[in-house]
Amino acid sequence: MTRACILHLFVFIISLNCFSQNGRIISEKEFNVKSFDTLYQRLSDDNGNLKTKYNYLKGVETKTFFYESDGLKVKGYMAYPKDVSKKYPVIIYNRGGNREFGNLNEYKMAFIIAKVASWGYVVVASQYRGNDGGEGIEEFGGADVQDVIHLIDVVSNLSYADNERIGMYGWSRGGMMTYLALMQTNKIKAAVVGGAVTDLKAMDESRNGEMGVYVYSELMPGYEKNKDSVMAIRSAIYHADKLPKATPILLLHGTSDWRVIPEESLNMATELQKAKVPYSLVMYEGGDHGLSEFRNEVDEQVKTWLDKYVKNNHPLPNLTPHGR
């Protein structure tokens, strides 16, 4: 290759990098709950007005957007208080499931994302690559973890977001994504994980191998050739020592969870204890996977934790053995 060809190739690569920017919002669209008839019937009374318990929706803006992640266009959801004259702390919400199962939709926007925003936060969430019009293919805890990490870049460009105060909140597979993201960044002030997957092999065994057949083998590169290592690298239970020591984690789990067995959080708490990662474990007796029987109590637990460590920068607990 001639020197001129090499120079042209170098310039071409540089130009590509100039147009690639992780976290860049490519497009955005207003999200109006009234446009979803079935949802709005659930939210409103016979007169078409929001029921009292859903009045929080009046105080927040909601939108969907596409953003750049590793050169891919990825779908995201966002909600924030309407008064944007000041900065608000940020919560990154990580969805559960895979592909269309458990995806972000109008219900999660209204009942989770917008509700957390009403507590005084900018909330952003990723649909993960390859879903809902997004490019690429999700990897169930592989390269798609970067779609979570790059939401930090998204909020850094929002004038009303305080990117010095960022928390993370994930449920089920979203809890797994939260743990994996925490291993790659120290920018998260605190995290909440509910019904979180921490041991992929244990999850597959508890589900009689169906996760391996229908999820792992279809989404996780290299799974068929080296199952154990591909599962282990995504299993936080083996990597607690890689989690930041300054990010307190709230673990929530139901003792009657059939989808992600309770032992996944119980065993993870033991590993966090060994690694001296600050945490609190709350087990809800008789609770299902989504802790639907304890929704108000869960919201209060989550809000208190996030307000304490993200919004109010509360000092970390003393983990050194002490007392009489």
C-alpha atoms as a PDB file:
ATOM      1  CA  MET A   1       0.000   0.000   0.000  1.00  0.00           C
ATOM      2  CA  THR A   2       1.408   3.397  -0.965  1.00  0.00           C
ATOM      3  CA  ARG A   3       1.931   6.204   1.509  1.00  0.00           C
ATOM      4  CA  ALA A   4      -0.895   8.154  -0.173  1.00  0.00           C
ATOM      5  CA  CYS A   5      -3.308   5.226   0.247  1.00  0.00           C
ATOM      6  CA  ILE A   6      -2.348   4.853   3.901  1.00  0.00           C
ATOM      7  CA  LEU A   7      -2.902   8.570   4.446  1.00  0.00           C
ATOM      8  CA  HIS A   8      -6.332   8.445   2.799  1.00  0.00           C
ATOM      9  CA  LEU A   9      -7.290   5.405   4.908  1.00  0.00           C
ATOM     10  CA  PHE A  10      -6.150   7.179   8.077  1.00  0.00           C
ATOM     11  CA  VAL A  11      -8.191  10.262   7.216  1.00  0.00           C
ATOM     12  CA  PHE A  12     -11.215   8.071   6.468  1.00  0.00           C
ATOM     13  CA  ILE A  13     -10.965   6.315   9.864  1.00  0.00           C
ATOM     14  CA  ILE A  14     -10.584   9.647  11.659  1.00  0.00           C
ATOM     15  CA  SER A  15     -13.616  11.037   9.841  1.00  0.00           C
ATOM     16  CA  LEU A  16     -15.675   8.031  10.887  1.00  0.00           C
ATOM     17  CA  ASN A  17     -14.701   8.582  14.523  1.00  0.00           C
ATOM     18  CA  CYS A  18     -15.670  12.234  14.271  1.00  0.00           C
ATOM     19  CA  PHE A  19     -19.210  11.246  13.323  1.00  0.00           C
ATOM     20  CA  SER A  20     -19.422   8.559  16.027  1.00  0.00           C
ATOM     21  CA  GLN A  21     -20.409   9.823  19.469  1.00  0.00           C
ATOM     22  CA  ASN A  22     -21.668   7.557  22.205  1.00  0.00           C
ATOM     23  CA  GLY A  23     -24.693   9.017  23.953  1.00  0.00           C
ATOM     24  CA  ARG A  24     -25.578  11.374  21.114  1.00  0.00           C
ATOM     25  CA  ILE A  25     -29.353  11.708  20.866  1.00  0.00           C
ATOM     26  CA  ILE A  26     -30.225  10.975  17.252  1.00  0.00           C
ATOM     27  CA  SER A  27     -33.944  11.713  17.467  1.00  0.00           C
ATOM     28  CA  GLU A  28     -36.663  12.091  20.077  1.00  0.00           C
ATOM     29  CA  LYS A  29     -40.435  11.916  20.168  1.00  0.00           C
ATOM     30  CA  GLU A  30     -43.042  13.142  22.616  1.00  0.00           C
ATOM     31  CA  PHE A  31     -44.731  10.384  24.601  1.00  0.00           C
ATOM     32  CA  ASN A  32     -48.329  11.121  25.607  1.00  0.00           C
ATOM     33  CA  VAL A  33     -50.090   8.534  27.785  1.00  0.00           C
ATOM     34  CA  LYS A  34     -53.458   9.760  26.496  1.00  0.00           C
ATOM     35  CA  SER A  35     -52.614   8.348  23.079  1.00  0.00           C
ATOM     36  CA  PHE A  36     -52.697   4.804  24.494  1.00  0.00           C
ATOM     37  CA  ASP A  37     -56.389   4.069  24.920  1.00  0.00           C
ATOM     38  CA  THR A  38     -56.146   0.897  27.012  1.00  0.00           C
ATOM     39  CA  LEU A  39     -53.536   2.414  29.307  1.00  0.00           C
ATOM     40  CA  TYR A  40     -55.410   5.687  29.740  1.00  0.00           C
ATOM     41  CA  GLN A  41     -58.622   3.871  30.617  1.00  0.00           C
ATOM     42  CA  ARG A  42     -56.710   2.301  33.478  1.00  0.00           C
ATOM     43  CA  LEU A  43     -55.234   5.630  34.561  1.00  0.00           C
ATOM     44  CA  SER A  44     -58.400   7.728  34.388  1.00  0.00           C
ATOM     45  CA  ASP A  45     -61.816   7.903  36.042  1.00  0.00           C
ATOM     46  CA  ASP A  46     -65.226   7.877  34.358  1.00  0.00           C
ATOM     47  CA  ASN A  47     -64.839  11.574  33.510  1.00  0.00           C
ATOM     48  CA  GLY A  48     -61.564  11.038  31.682  1.00  0.00           C
ATOM     49  CA  ASN A  49     -59.447  12.648  34.404  1.00  0.00           C
ATOM     50  CA  LEU A  50     -56.377  11.051  35.927  1.00  0.00           C
ATOM     51  CA  LYS A  51     -57.111   9.100  39.091  1.00  0.00           C
ATOM     52  CA  THR A  52     -55.604  10.670  42.193  1.00  0.00           C
ATOM     53  CA  LYS A  53     -52.850   8.076  42.565  1.00  0.00           C
ATOM     54  CA  TYR A  54     -51.672   8.810  39.011  1.00  0.00           C
ATOM     55  CA  ASN A  55     -51.618  12.597  39.351  1.00  0.00           C
ATOM     56  CA  TYR A  56     -47.826  12.430  39.410  1.00  0.00           C
ATOM     57  CA  LEU A  57     -48.010  12.127  35.616  1.00  0.00           C
ATOM     58  CA  LYS A  58     -49.103  15.761  35.394  1.00  0.00           C
ATOM     59  CA  GLY A  59     -45.758  16.959  36.682  1.00  0.00           C
ATOM     60  CA  VAL A  60     -43.428  15.105  34.342  1.00  0.00           C
ATOM     61  CA  GLU A  61     -42.441  15.154  30.697  1.00  0.00           C
ATOM     62  CA  THR A  62     -42.122  11.806  28.926  1.00  0.00           C
ATOM     63  CA  LYS A  63     -40.485  10.969  25.622  1.00  0.00           C
ATOM     64  CA  THR A  64     -38.833   8.221  23.634  1.00  0.00           C
ATOM     65  CA  PHE A  65     -35.573   8.740  21.796  1.00  0.00           C
ATOM     66  CA  PHE A  66     -32.864   7.028  19.798  1.00  0.00           C
ATOM     67  CA  TYR A  67     -29.252   7.437  20.865  1.00  0.00           C
ATOM     68  CA  GLU A  68     -25.876   6.261  19.671  1.00  0.00           C
ATOM     69  CA  SER A  69     -24.132   3.330  21.376  1.00  0.00           C
ATOM     70  CA  ASP A  70     -21.001   1.823  19.832  1.00  0.00           C
ATOM     71  CA  GLY A  71     -22.064   3.205  16.463  1.00  0.00           C
ATOM     72  CA  LEU A  72     -25.533   1.678  16.729  1.00  0.00           C
ATOM     73  CA  LYS A  73     -28.896   3.406  16.945  1.00  0.00           C
ATOM     74  CA  VAL A  74     -30.572   2.263  20.184  1.00  0.00           C
ATOM     75  CA  LYS A  75     -34.083   3.061  21.484  1.00  0.00           C
ATOM     76  CA  GLY A  76     -34.463   4.790  24.843  1.00  0.00           C
ATOM     77  CA  TYR A  77     -37.177   6.074  27.173  1.00  0.00           C
ATOM     78  CA  MET A  78     -36.968   9.231  29.281  1.00  0.00           C
ATOM     79  CA  ALA A  79     -38.981  11.131  31.900  1.00  0.00           C
ATOM     80  CA  TYR A  80     -38.162  14.215  33.952  1.00  0.00           C
ATOM     81  CA  PRO A  81     -39.907  16.990  35.946  1.00  0.00           C
ATOM     82  CA  LYS A  82     -41.547  19.673  33.813  1.00  0.00           C
ATOM     83  CA  ASP A  83     -39.693  22.485  35.555  1.00  0.00           C
ATOM     84  CA  VAL A  84     -36.327  22.351  33.822  1.00  0.00           C
ATOM     85  CA  SER A  85     -34.994  25.583  35.310  1.00  0.00           C
ATOM     86  CA  LYS A  86     -32.791  23.532  37.638  1.00  0.00           C
ATOM     87  CA  LYS A  87     -30.744  20.354  37.555  1.00  0.00           C
ATOM     88  CA  TYR A  88     -32.063  17.040  38.837  1.00  0.00           C
ATOM     89  CA  PRO A  89     -30.194  13.889  39.860  1.00  0.00           C
ATOM     90  CA  VAL A  90     -30.375  10.998  37.408  1.00  0.00           C
ATOM     91  CA  ILE A  91     -31.632   7.426  37.595  1.00  0.00           C
ATOM     92  CA  ILE A  92     -30.736   4.902  34.908  1.00  0.00           C
ATOM     93  CA  TYR A  93     -33.467   2.269  34.800  1.00  0.00           C
ATOM     94  CA  ASN A  94     -32.574  -1.157  33.400  1.00  0.00           C
ATOM     95  CA  ARG A  95     -35.434  -3.249  32.026  1.00  0.00           C
ATOM     96  CA  GLY A  96     -35.770  -6.988  32.474  1.00  0.00           C
ATOM     97  CA  GLY A  97     -36.535  -9.775  30.043  1.00  0.00           C
ATOM     98  CA  ASN A  98     -35.076 -10.179  26.588  1.00  0.00           C
ATOM     99  CA  ARG A  99     -36.115  -9.080  23.130  1.00  0.00           C
ATOM    100  CA  GLU A 100     -39.856  -8.218  23.233  1.00  0.00           C
ATOM    101  CA  PHE A 101     -40.454 -10.037  26.519  1.00  0.00           C
ATOM    102  CA  GLY A 102     -40.275  -7.506  29.343  1.00  0.00           C
ATOM    103  CA  ASN A 103     -39.570  -4.633  26.958  1.00  0.00           C
ATOM    104  CA  LEU A 104     -40.109  -0.980  27.753  1.00  0.00           C
ATOM    105  CA  ASN A 105     -43.629   0.124  26.802  1.00  0.00           C
ATOM    106  CA  GLU A 106     -46.355   2.583  27.761  1.00  0.00           C
ATOM    107  CA  TYR A 107     -47.084   0.722  31.001  1.00  0.00           C
ATOM    108  CA  LYS A 108     -43.486   0.765  32.220  1.00  0.00           C
ATOM    109  CA  MET A 109     -43.299   4.421  31.224  1.00  0.00           C
ATOM    110  CA  ALA A 110     -46.381   5.325  33.270  1.00  0.00           C
ATOM    111  CA  PHE A 111     -45.920   3.055  36.277  1.00  0.00           C
ATOM    112  CA  ILE A 112     -42.138   3.004  36.713  1.00  0.00           C
ATOM    113  CA  ILE A 113     -40.166   5.542  34.684  1.00  0.00           C
ATOM    114  CA  ALA A 114     -42.528   8.488  35.113  1.00  0.00           C
ATOM    115  CA  LYS A 115     -43.197   7.646  38.751  1.00  0.00           C
ATOM    116  CA  VAL A 116     -39.491   7.695  39.622  1.00  0.00           C
ATOM    117  CA  ALA A 117     -39.151  10.961  37.671  1.00  0.00           C
ATOM    118  CA  SER A 118     -41.916  12.447  39.820  1.00  0.00           C
ATOM    119  CA  TRP A 119     -39.679  11.942  42.853  1.00  0.00           C
ATOM    120  CA  GLY A 120     -37.405  14.627  41.393  1.00  0.00           C
ATOM    121  CA  TYR A 121     -35.173  12.722  38.987  1.00  0.00           C
ATOM    122  CA  VAL A 122     -34.275  12.588  35.329  1.00  0.00           C
ATOM    123  CA  VAL A 123     -34.888   8.940  34.404  1.00  0.00           C
ATOM    124  CA  VAL A 124     -33.411   7.326  31.303  1.00  0.00           C
ATOM    125  CA  ALA A 125     -33.748   3.716  30.176  1.00  0.00           C
ATOM    126  CA  SER A 126     -32.477   1.606  27.303  1.00  0.00           C
ATOM    127  CA  GLN A 127     -34.452  -0.881  25.241  1.00  0.00           C
ATOM    128  CA  TYR A 128     -31.049  -2.493  24.499  1.00  0.00           C
ATOM    129  CA  ARG A 129     -29.633  -2.833  21.018  1.00  0.00           C
ATOM    130  CA  GLY A 130     -31.621  -4.723  18.393  1.00  0.00           C
ATOM    131  CA  ASN A 131     -35.001  -4.062  19.985  1.00  0.00           C
ATOM    132  CA  ASP A 132     -37.929  -1.804  19.068  1.00  0.00           C
ATOM    133  CA  GLY A 133     -36.329  -0.373  15.951  1.00  0.00           C
ATOM    134  CA  GLY A 134     -32.814  -0.340  17.371  1.00  0.00           C
ATOM    135  CA  GLU A 135     -29.794  -1.598  15.458  1.00  0.00           C
ATOM    136  CA  GLY A 136     -27.575  -4.562  16.306  1.00  0.00           C
ATOM    137  CA  ILE A 137     -28.370  -7.635  18.405  1.00  0.00           C
ATOM    138  CA  GLU A 138     -28.649  -7.778  22.184  1.00  0.00           C
ATOM    139  CA  GLU A 139     -26.320 -10.189  23.971  1.00  0.00           C
ATOM    140  CA  PHE A 140     -28.025 -10.681  27.346  1.00  0.00           C
ATOM    141  CA  GLY A 141     -25.265  -9.044  29.327  1.00  0.00           C
ATOM    142  CA  GLY A 142     -22.533  -8.893  26.684  1.00  0.00           C
ATOM    143  CA  ALA A 143     -21.759  -5.882  24.522  1.00  0.00           C
ATOM    144  CA  ASP A 144     -25.246  -4.540  25.219  1.00  0.00           C
ATOM    145  CA  VAL A 145     -24.087  -3.496  28.699  1.00  0.00           C
ATOM    146  CA  GLN A 146     -22.522  -0.577  26.846  1.00  0.00           C
ATOM    147  CA  ASP A 147     -26.043   0.582  25.970  1.00  0.00           C
ATOM    148  CA  VAL A 148     -26.500   1.142  29.704  1.00  0.00           C
ATOM    149  CA  ILE A 149     -23.092   2.753  30.209  1.00  0.00           C
ATOM    150  CA  HIS A 150     -23.698   5.168  27.340  1.00  0.00           C
ATOM    151  CA  LEU A 151     -26.831   6.500  29.001  1.00  0.00           C
ATOM    152  CA  ILE A 152     -24.361   8.312  31.257  1.00  0.00           C
ATOM    153  CA  ASP A 153     -23.196  10.103  28.107  1.00  0.00           C
ATOM    154  CA  VAL A 154     -26.814  10.821  27.157  1.00  0.00           C
ATOM    155  CA  VAL A 155     -27.564  12.682  30.392  1.00  0.00           C
ATOM    156  CA  SER A 156     -24.257  14.564  30.257  1.00  0.00           C
ATOM    157  CA  ASN A 157     -25.763  16.488  27.339  1.00  0.00           C
ATOM    158  CA  LEU A 158     -28.990  17.425  29.145  1.00  0.00           C
ATOM    159  CA  SER A 159     -28.969  20.869  30.768  1.00  0.00           C
ATOM    160  CA  TYR A 160     -31.436  19.765  33.471  1.00  0.00           C
ATOM    161  CA  ALA A 161     -29.543  16.600  34.464  1.00  0.00           C
ATOM    162  CA  ASP A 162     -26.933  16.584  37.234  1.00  0.00           C
ATOM    163  CA  ASN A 163     -24.460  14.008  35.979  1.00  0.00           C
ATOM    164  CA  GLU A 164     -22.550  14.158  39.257  1.00  0.00           C
ATOM    165  CA  ARG A 165     -25.494  12.446  40.974  1.00  0.00           C
ATOM    166  CA  ILE A 166     -26.447   9.287  39.096  1.00  0.00           C
ATOM    167  CA  GLY A 167     -28.166   6.191  40.465  1.00  0.00           C
ATOM    168  CA  MET A 168     -29.155   2.910  38.832  1.00  0.00           C
ATOM    169  CA  TYR A 169     -32.278   0.771  39.227  1.00  0.00           C
ATOM    170  CA  GLY A 170     -32.801  -2.610  37.577  1.00  0.00           C
ATOM    171  CA  TRP A 171     -35.158  -5.545  37.881  1.00  0.00           C
ATOM    172  CA  SER A 172     -34.589  -9.215  36.947  1.00  0.00           C
ATOM    173  CA  ARG A 173     -32.296  -9.220  33.886  1.00  0.00           C
ATOM    174  CA  GLY A 174     -32.106  -5.468  34.521  1.00  0.00           C
ATOM    175  CA  GLY A 175     -30.550  -6.259  37.894  1.00  0.00           C
ATOM    176  CA  MET A 176     -27.944  -8.361  36.110  1.00  0.00           C
ATOM    177  CA  MET A 177     -27.269  -5.457  33.739  1.00  0.00           C
ATOM    178  CA  THR A 178     -26.928  -3.155  36.745  1.00  0.00           C
ATOM    179  CA  TYR A 179     -24.275  -5.340  38.370  1.00  0.00           C
ATOM    180  CA  LEU A 180     -22.372  -5.668  35.081  1.00  0.00           C
ATOM    181  CA  ALA A 181     -22.511  -1.917  34.468  1.00  0.00           C
ATOM    182  CA  LEU A 182     -21.253  -1.180  37.981  1.00  0.00           C
ATOM    183  CA  MET A 183     -18.176  -3.275  37.228  1.00  0.00           C
ATOM    184  CA  GLN A 184     -17.304  -0.839  34.443  1.00  0.00           C
ATOM    185  CA  THR A 185     -17.963   2.549  35.991  1.00  0.00           C
ATOM    186  CA  ASN A 186     -17.545   4.332  39.305  1.00  0.00           C
ATOM    187  CA  LYS A 187     -19.950   7.118  38.345  1.00  0.00           C
ATOM    188  CA  ILE A 188     -22.990   5.518  40.011  1.00  0.00           C
ATOM    189  CA  LYS A 189     -23.756   6.846  43.483  1.00  0.00           C
ATOM    190  CA  ALA A 190     -26.089   3.993  44.484  1.00  0.00           C
ATOM    191  CA  ALA A 191     -28.024   1.127  42.953  1.00  0.00           C
ATOM    192  CA  VAL A 192     -31.224  -0.839  43.499  1.00  0.00           C
ATOM    193  CA  VAL A 193     -31.677  -4.366  42.138  1.00  0.00           C
ATOM    194  CA  GLY A 194     -34.925  -6.308  42.368  1.00  0.00           C
ATOM    195  CA  GLY A 195     -35.295 -10.031  41.707  1.00  0.00           C
ATOM    196  CA  ALA A 196     -31.870  -9.825  40.100  1.00  0.00           C
ATOM    197  CA  VAL A 197     -30.166 -12.540  38.080  1.00  0.00           C
ATOM    198  CA  THR A 198     -26.741 -13.064  39.669  1.00  0.00           C
ATOM    199  CA  ASP A 199     -25.952 -16.661  38.623  1.00  0.00           C
ATOM    200  CA  LEU A 200     -26.962 -17.615  35.081  1.00  0.00           C
ATOM    201  CA  LYS A 201     -26.186 -21.299  35.547  1.00  0.00           C
ATOM    202  CA  ALA A 202     -28.329 -21.509  38.674  1.00  0.00           C
ATOM    203  CA  MET A 203     -31.133 -19.722  36.848  1.00  0.00           C
ATOM    204  CA  ASP A 204     -30.976 -22.146  33.943  1.00  0.00           C
ATOM    205  CA  GLU A 205     -30.998 -25.153  36.275  1.00  0.00           C
ATOM    206  CA  SER A 206     -33.953 -23.781  38.246  1.00  0.00           C
ATOM    207  CA  ARG A 207     -35.858 -23.414  34.955  1.00  0.00           C
ATOM    208  CA  ASN A 208     -35.053 -26.953  33.759  1.00  0.00           C
ATOM    209  CA  GLY A 209     -32.699 -25.748  31.051  1.00  0.00           C
ATOM    210  CA  GLU A 210     -35.155 -23.526  29.198  1.00  0.00           C
ATOM    211  CA  MET A 211     -33.019 -20.401  29.627  1.00  0.00           C
ATOM    212  CA  GLY A 212     -30.112 -22.141  27.928  1.00  0.00           C
ATOM    213  CA  VAL A 213     -32.228 -23.277  25.022  1.00  0.00           C
ATOM    214  CA  TYR A 214     -34.373 -20.219  24.385  1.00  0.00           C
ATOM    215  CA  VAL A 215     -32.243 -17.317  25.633  1.00  0.00           C
ATOM    216  CA  TYR A 216     -28.566 -18.066  26.230  1.00  0.00           C
ATOM    217  CA  SER A 217     -27.978 -20.066  23.048  1.00  0.00           C
ATOM    218  CA  GLU A 218     -29.816 -17.508  20.910  1.00  0.00           C
ATOM    219  CA  LEU A 219     -28.361 -14.309  22.351  1.00  0.00           C
ATOM    220  CA  MET A 220     -24.999 -14.982  24.017  1.00  0.00           C
ATOM    221  CA  PRO A 221     -22.067 -15.226  21.551  1.00  0.00           C
ATOM    222  CA  GLY A 222     -19.931 -18.334  22.112  1.00  0.00           C
ATOM    223  CA  TYR A 223     -22.426 -20.005  24.430  1.00  0.00           C
ATOM    224  CA  GLU A 224     -22.614 -23.325  22.580  1.00  0.00           C
ATOM    225  CA  LYS A 225     -18.823 -23.692  22.531  1.00  0.00           C
ATOM    226  CA  ASN A 226     -18.081 -22.688  26.116  1.00  0.00           C
ATOM    227  CA  LYS A 227     -21.256 -22.528  28.165  1.00  0.00           C
ATOM    228  CA  ASP A 228     -19.751 -22.297  31.633  1.00  0.00           C
ATOM    229  CA  SER A 229     -17.381 -19.400  30.954  1.00  0.00           C
ATOM    230  CA  VAL A 230     -19.954 -17.427  28.938  1.00  0.00           C
ATOM    231  CA  MET A 231     -22.472 -17.756  31.782  1.00  0.00           C
ATOM    232  CA  ALA A 232     -19.884 -17.048  34.474  1.00  0.00           C
ATOM    233  CA  ILE A 233     -18.672 -13.790  32.941  1.00  0.00           C
ATOM    234  CA  ARG A 234     -22.254 -12.466  33.188  1.00  0.00           C
ATOM    235  CA  SER A 235     -22.834 -13.798  36.715  1.00  0.00           C
ATOM    236  CA  ALA A 236     -22.155 -11.144  39.355  1.00  0.00           C
ATOM    237  CA  ILE A 237     -21.958 -13.827  42.049  1.00  0.00           C
ATOM    238  CA  TYR A 238     -18.396 -14.540  40.835  1.00  0.00           C
ATOM    239  CA  HIS A 239     -17.303 -10.923  40.501  1.00  0.00           C
ATOM    240  CA  ALA A 240     -18.391  -9.127  43.663  1.00  0.00           C
ATOM    241  CA  ASP A 241     -14.808  -8.009  44.220  1.00  0.00           C
ATOM    242  CA  LYS A 242     -15.010  -5.994  40.990  1.00  0.00           C
ATOM    243  CA  LEU A 243     -17.931  -3.893  42.194  1.00  0.00           C
ATOM    244  CA  PRO A 244     -17.115  -0.360  43.398  1.00  0.00           C
ATOM    245  CA  LYS A 245     -16.804  -0.094  47.176  1.00  0.00           C
ATOM    246  CA  ALA A 246     -18.403   3.358  47.158  1.00  0.00           C
ATOM    247  CA  THR A 247     -21.683   2.329  45.514  1.00  0.00           C
ATOM    248  CA  PRO A 248     -24.204   1.004  48.059  1.00  0.00           C
ATOM    249  CA  ILE A 249     -26.618  -1.584  46.636  1.00  0.00           C
ATOM    250  CA  LEU A 250     -30.158  -2.318  47.789  1.00  0.00           C
ATOM    251  CA  LEU A 251     -31.209  -5.901  47.022  1.00  0.00           C
ATOM    252  CA  LEU A 252     -34.944  -6.692  46.933  1.00  0.00           C
ATOM    253  CA  HIS A 253     -36.344 -10.179  46.387  1.00  0.00           C
ATOM    254  CA  GLY A 254     -39.514 -12.148  47.007  1.00  0.00           C
ATOM    255  CA  THR A 255     -39.243 -15.488  48.804  1.00  0.00           C
ATOM    256  CA  SER A 256     -41.846 -16.950  46.426  1.00  0.00           C
ATOM    257  CA  ASP A 257     -40.136 -15.795  43.231  1.00  0.00           C
ATOM    258  CA  TRP A 258     -40.296 -18.669  40.714  1.00  0.00           C
ATOM    259  CA  ARG A 259     -38.650 -16.840  37.830  1.00  0.00           C
ATOM    260  CA  VAL A 260     -35.405 -15.883  39.600  1.00  0.00           C
ATOM    261  CA  ILE A 261     -35.009 -18.018  42.713  1.00  0.00           C
ATOM    262  CA  PRO A 262     -34.514 -16.148  46.030  1.00  0.00           C
ATOM    263  CA  GLU A 263     -31.145 -17.812  46.585  1.00  0.00           C
ATOM    264  CA  GLU A 264     -29.698 -15.639  43.827  1.00  0.00           C
ATOM    265  CA  SER A 265     -29.990 -12.555  46.052  1.00  0.00           C
ATOM    266  CA  LEU A 266     -29.260 -14.397  49.298  1.00  0.00           C
ATOM    267  CA  ASN A 267     -26.012 -15.788  47.901  1.00  0.00           C
ATOM    268  CA  MET A 268     -25.115 -12.461  46.301  1.00  0.00           C
ATOM    269  CA  ALA A 269     -25.481 -10.722  49.641  1.00  0.00           C
ATOM    270  CA  THR A 270     -22.940 -13.155  51.096  1.00  0.00           C
ATOM    271  CA  GLU A 271     -20.471 -12.280  48.351  1.00  0.00           C
ATOM    272  CA  LEU A 272     -21.052  -8.545  48.845  1.00  0.00           C
ATOM    273  CA  GLN A 273     -20.367  -9.032  52.544  1.00  0.00           C
ATOM    274  CA  LYS A 274     -17.060 -10.760  51.779  1.00  0.00           C
ATOM    275  CA  ALA A 275     -16.068  -8.065  49.274  1.00  0.00           C
ATOM    276  CA  LYS A 276     -16.988  -5.272  51.698  1.00  0.00           C
ATOM    277  CA  VAL A 277     -19.415  -3.683  49.241  1.00  0.00           C
ATOM    278  CA  PRO A 278     -22.068  -1.693  51.145  1.00  0.00           C
ATOM    279  CA  TYR A 279     -25.494  -3.279  50.717  1.00  0.00           C
ATOM    280  CA  SER A 280     -28.882  -3.871  52.260  1.00  0.00           C
ATOM    281  CA  LEU A 281     -30.918  -7.017  51.593  1.00  0.00           C
ATOM    282  CA  VAL A 282     -34.704  -7.036  51.962  1.00  0.00           C
ATOM    283  CA  MET A 283     -36.559 -10.314  51.423  1.00  0.00           C
ATOM    284  CA  TYR A 284     -40.341 -10.063  51.090  1.00  0.00           C
ATOM    285  CA  GLU A 285     -41.959 -13.180  52.490  1.00  0.00           C
ATOM    286  CA  GLY A 286     -44.361 -14.627  49.928  1.00  0.00           C
ATOM    287  CA  GLY A 287     -43.407 -12.013  47.333  1.00  0.00           C
ATOM    288  CA  ASP A 288     -43.500 -12.913  43.631  1.00  0.00           C
ATOM    289  CA  HIS A 289     -40.943 -11.954  40.994  1.00  0.00           C
ATOM    290  CA  GLY A 290     -42.234  -8.415  40.566  1.00  0.00           C
ATOM    291  CA  LEU A 291     -43.142  -8.061  44.269  1.00  0.00           C
ATOM    292  CA  SER A 292     -46.612  -7.099  43.065  1.00  0.00           C
ATOM    293  CA  GLU A 293     -48.097  -7.767  46.507  1.00  0.00           C
ATOM    294  CA  PHE A 294     -45.770  -5.147  48.015  1.00  0.00           C
ATOM    295  CA  ARG A 295     -45.749  -2.446  45.336  1.00  0.00           C
ATOM    296  CA  ASN A 296     -46.269   0.558  47.627  1.00  0.00           C
ATOM    297  CA  GLU A 297     -43.742  -0.732  50.145  1.00  0.00           C
ATOM    298  CA  VAL A 298     -41.206  -1.401  47.383  1.00  0.00           C
ATOM    299  CA  ASP A 299     -41.638   2.105  45.962  1.00  0.00           C
ATOM    300  CA  GLU A 300     -41.020   3.566  49.402  1.00  0.00           C
ATOM    301  CA  GLN A 301     -37.904   1.407  49.909  1.00  0.00           C
ATOM    302  CA  VAL A 302     -36.518   2.373  46.498  1.00  0.00           C
ATOM    303  CA  LYS A 303     -37.274   6.077  46.907  1.00  0.00           C
ATOM    304  CA  THR A 304     -35.723   6.205  50.372  1.00  0.00           C
ATOM    305  CA  TRP A 305     -32.531   4.499  49.168  1.00  0.00           C
ATOM    306  CA  LEU A 306     -32.125   6.667  46.074  1.00  0.00           C
ATOM    307  CA  ASP A 307     -32.938   9.883  47.924  1.00  0.00           C
ATOM    308  CA  LYS A 308     -30.461   8.988  50.646  1.00  0.00           C
ATOM    309  CA  TYR A 309     -27.436   8.150  48.527  1.00  0.00           C
ATOM    310  CA  VAL A 310     -28.087   9.799  45.160  1.00  0.00           C
ATOM    311  CA  LYS A 311     -30.131  12.915  45.814  1.00  0.00           C
ATOM    312  CA  ASN A 312     -28.761  13.793  49.256  1.00  0.00           C
ATOM    313  CA  ASN A 313     -25.218  12.328  49.042  1.00  0.00           C
ATOM    314  CA  HIS A 314     -25.513  10.622  52.429  1.00  0.00           C
ATOM    315  CA  PRO A 315     -22.173   9.329  53.778  1.00  0.00           C
ATOM    316  CA  LEU A 316     -21.451   5.652  53.252  1.00  0.00           C
ATOM    317  CA  PRO A 317     -21.951   3.294  56.204  1.00  0.00           C
ATOM    318  CA  ASN A 318     -19.042   2.189  58.366  1.00  0.00           C
ATOM    319  CA  LEU A 319     -18.284  -1.380  57.283  1.00  0.00           C
ATOM    320  CA  THR A 320     -15.490  -1.892  59.806  1.00  0.00           C
ATOM    321  CA  PRO A 321     -16.582  -4.246  62.621  1.00  0.00           C
ATOM    322  CA  HIS A 322     -17.365  -2.032  65.598  1.00  0.00           C
ATOM    323  CA  GLY A 323     -19.558  -1.599  68.662  1.00  0.00           C
ATOM    324  CA  ARG A 324     -19.604  -3.369  72.008  1.00  0.00           C
END
